[in-house]
């Protein structure tokens, strides 16, 4: 699954905006405020079947689309590693 592509799709659906989002764009440039960011995170968690820890949800660290992509990549890598560990058992 292409994480970047999927997150861009989620943002497009979330904002009802046909304007193409770019990875370096800020969330605010797409009209996403702090409350919207919470809802966006929940949609991302559902889509990727991950549970993002509160310690990773610092608003200062989640200002760009790129920061969301990096966060999901971190959890996808963690999930992959956990699956590999369980396969070894």
C-alpha atoms as a PDB file:
ATOM      1  CA  UNK A   1       0.000   0.000   0.000  1.00  0.00           C
ATOM      2  CA  UNK A   2       1.348   3.413  -0.931  1.00  0.00           C
ATOM      3  CA  UNK A   3       1.032   5.389   2.290  1.00  0.00           C
ATOM      4  CA  UNK A   4       1.580   8.784   0.696  1.00  0.00           C
ATOM      5  CA  UNK A   5      -1.044   8.233  -1.985  1.00  0.00           C
ATOM      6  CA  UNK A   6      -3.602   6.934   0.503  1.00  0.00           C
ATOM      7  CA  UNK A   7      -3.103   9.847   2.910  1.00  0.00           C
ATOM      8  CA  UNK A   8      -3.465  12.332   0.047  1.00  0.00           C
ATOM      9  CA  UNK A   9      -6.713  10.579  -0.921  1.00  0.00           C
ATOM     10  CA  UNK A  10      -7.994  10.732   2.669  1.00  0.00           C
ATOM     11  CA  UNK A  11      -7.197  14.440   2.854  1.00  0.00           C
ATOM     12  CA  UNK A  12      -8.947  15.093  -0.469  1.00  0.00           C
ATOM     13  CA  UNK A  13     -12.047  13.226   0.746  1.00  0.00           C
ATOM     14  CA  UNK A  14     -11.868  14.886   4.137  1.00  0.00           C
ATOM     15  CA  UNK A  15     -11.628  18.433   2.772  1.00  0.00           C
ATOM     16  CA  UNK A  16     -13.995  17.918  -0.175  1.00  0.00           C
ATOM     17  CA  UNK A  17     -11.346  19.764  -2.144  1.00  0.00           C
ATOM     18  CA  UNK A  18     -10.386  18.865  -5.680  1.00  0.00           C
ATOM     19  CA  UNK A  19      -7.196  20.884  -5.335  1.00  0.00           C
ATOM     20  CA  UNK A  20      -4.281  18.488  -5.429  1.00  0.00           C
ATOM     21  CA  UNK A  21      -2.532  18.297  -2.088  1.00  0.00           C
ATOM     22  CA  UNK A  22       1.245  18.205  -2.042  1.00  0.00           C
ATOM     23  CA  UNK A  23       3.348  16.413   0.548  1.00  0.00           C
ATOM     24  CA  UNK A  24       5.011  19.639   1.734  1.00  0.00           C
ATOM     25  CA  UNK A  25       1.657  21.431   2.196  1.00  0.00           C
ATOM     26  CA  UNK A  26       0.571  22.458   5.651  1.00  0.00           C
ATOM     27  CA  UNK A  27      -2.689  21.044   6.936  1.00  0.00           C
ATOM     28  CA  UNK A  28      -3.888  24.607   7.512  1.00  0.00           C
ATOM     29  CA  UNK A  29      -3.434  25.407   3.822  1.00  0.00           C
ATOM     30  CA  UNK A  30      -6.178  22.862   3.175  1.00  0.00           C
ATOM     31  CA  UNK A  31      -8.470  24.318   5.828  1.00  0.00           C
ATOM     32  CA  UNK A  32      -7.688  21.643   8.405  1.00  0.00           C
ATOM     33  CA  UNK A  33      -7.739  23.108  11.916  1.00  0.00           C
ATOM     34  CA  UNK A  34      -6.900  21.361  15.194  1.00  0.00           C
ATOM     35  CA  UNK A  35     -10.339  19.767  15.585  1.00  0.00           C
ATOM     36  CA  UNK A  36     -10.250  18.604  11.980  1.00  0.00           C
ATOM     37  CA  UNK A  37      -6.799  17.143  12.609  1.00  0.00           C
ATOM     38  CA  UNK A  38      -8.237  14.926  15.346  1.00  0.00           C
ATOM     39  CA  UNK A  39     -10.907  13.653  12.958  1.00  0.00           C
ATOM     40  CA  UNK A  40      -8.309  13.196  10.217  1.00  0.00           C
ATOM     41  CA  UNK A  41      -6.094  11.156  12.572  1.00  0.00           C
ATOM     42  CA  UNK A  42      -9.074   8.944  13.413  1.00  0.00           C
ATOM     43  CA  UNK A  43      -9.752   8.371   9.702  1.00  0.00           C
ATOM     44  CA  UNK A  44      -6.081   7.511   9.159  1.00  0.00           C
ATOM     45  CA  UNK A  45      -6.101   5.088  12.100  1.00  0.00           C
ATOM     46  CA  UNK A  46      -9.164   3.360  10.650  1.00  0.00           C
ATOM     47  CA  UNK A  47      -7.728   3.175   7.148  1.00  0.00           C
ATOM     48  CA  UNK A  48      -4.354   1.782   8.188  1.00  0.00           C
ATOM     49  CA  UNK A  49      -5.648  -0.253  11.138  1.00  0.00           C
ATOM     50  CA  UNK A  50      -3.256   1.394  13.565  1.00  0.00           C
ATOM     51  CA  UNK A  51      -3.617   3.027  16.971  1.00  0.00           C
ATOM     52  CA  UNK A  52      -1.487   6.147  17.266  1.00  0.00           C
ATOM     53  CA  UNK A  53      -0.205   6.771  20.772  1.00  0.00           C
ATOM     54  CA  UNK A  54      -1.033  10.055  22.483  1.00  0.00           C
ATOM     55  CA  UNK A  55       2.672  10.800  22.836  1.00  0.00           C
ATOM     56  CA  UNK A  56       2.892  10.981  19.025  1.00  0.00           C
ATOM     57  CA  UNK A  57       0.024  13.437  18.669  1.00  0.00           C
ATOM     58  CA  UNK A  58       1.784  16.704  19.487  1.00  0.00           C
ATOM     59  CA  UNK A  59       0.104  19.331  17.269  1.00  0.00           C
ATOM     60  CA  UNK A  60       3.450  21.054  16.706  1.00  0.00           C
ATOM     61  CA  UNK A  61       4.732  17.847  15.096  1.00  0.00           C
ATOM     62  CA  UNK A  62       1.686  17.387  12.869  1.00  0.00           C
ATOM     63  CA  UNK A  63       1.555  20.569  10.833  1.00  0.00           C
ATOM     64  CA  UNK A  64       2.230  19.158   7.364  1.00  0.00           C
ATOM     65  CA  UNK A  65       0.992  16.315   5.225  1.00  0.00           C
ATOM     66  CA  UNK A  66       4.543  15.003   5.229  1.00  0.00           C
ATOM     67  CA  UNK A  67       4.488  14.741   9.036  1.00  0.00           C
ATOM     68  CA  UNK A  68       1.330  12.602   8.829  1.00  0.00           C
ATOM     69  CA  UNK A  69       2.966  10.350   6.248  1.00  0.00           C
ATOM     70  CA  UNK A  70       6.053   9.918   8.429  1.00  0.00           C
ATOM     71  CA  UNK A  71       3.893   9.109  11.431  1.00  0.00           C
ATOM     72  CA  UNK A  72       1.950   6.438   9.551  1.00  0.00           C
ATOM     73  CA  UNK A  73       5.176   5.000   8.127  1.00  0.00           C
ATOM     74  CA  UNK A  74       6.481   4.665  11.686  1.00  0.00           C
ATOM     75  CA  UNK A  75       3.403   2.709  12.755  1.00  0.00           C
ATOM     76  CA  UNK A  76       3.320   0.614   9.602  1.00  0.00           C
ATOM     77  CA  UNK A  77       6.971  -0.340  10.181  1.00  0.00           C
ATOM     78  CA  UNK A  78       6.172  -1.192  13.784  1.00  0.00           C
ATOM     79  CA  UNK A  79       3.215  -3.309  12.687  1.00  0.00           C
ATOM     80  CA  UNK A  80       5.362  -5.090  10.100  1.00  0.00           C
ATOM     81  CA  UNK A  81       8.050  -5.834  12.701  1.00  0.00           C
ATOM     82  CA  UNK A  82       5.461  -7.162  15.146  1.00  0.00           C
ATOM     83  CA  UNK A  83       4.064  -9.442  12.452  1.00  0.00           C
ATOM     84  CA  UNK A  84       7.530 -10.716  11.631  1.00  0.00           C
ATOM     85  CA  UNK A  85       8.175 -11.444  15.304  1.00  0.00           C
ATOM     86  CA  UNK A  86       4.906 -13.332  15.676  1.00  0.00           C
ATOM     87  CA  UNK A  87       5.687 -15.360  12.538  1.00  0.00           C
ATOM     88  CA  UNK A  88       8.947 -16.501  14.137  1.00  0.00           C
ATOM     89  CA  UNK A  89       7.147 -17.897  17.163  1.00  0.00           C
END
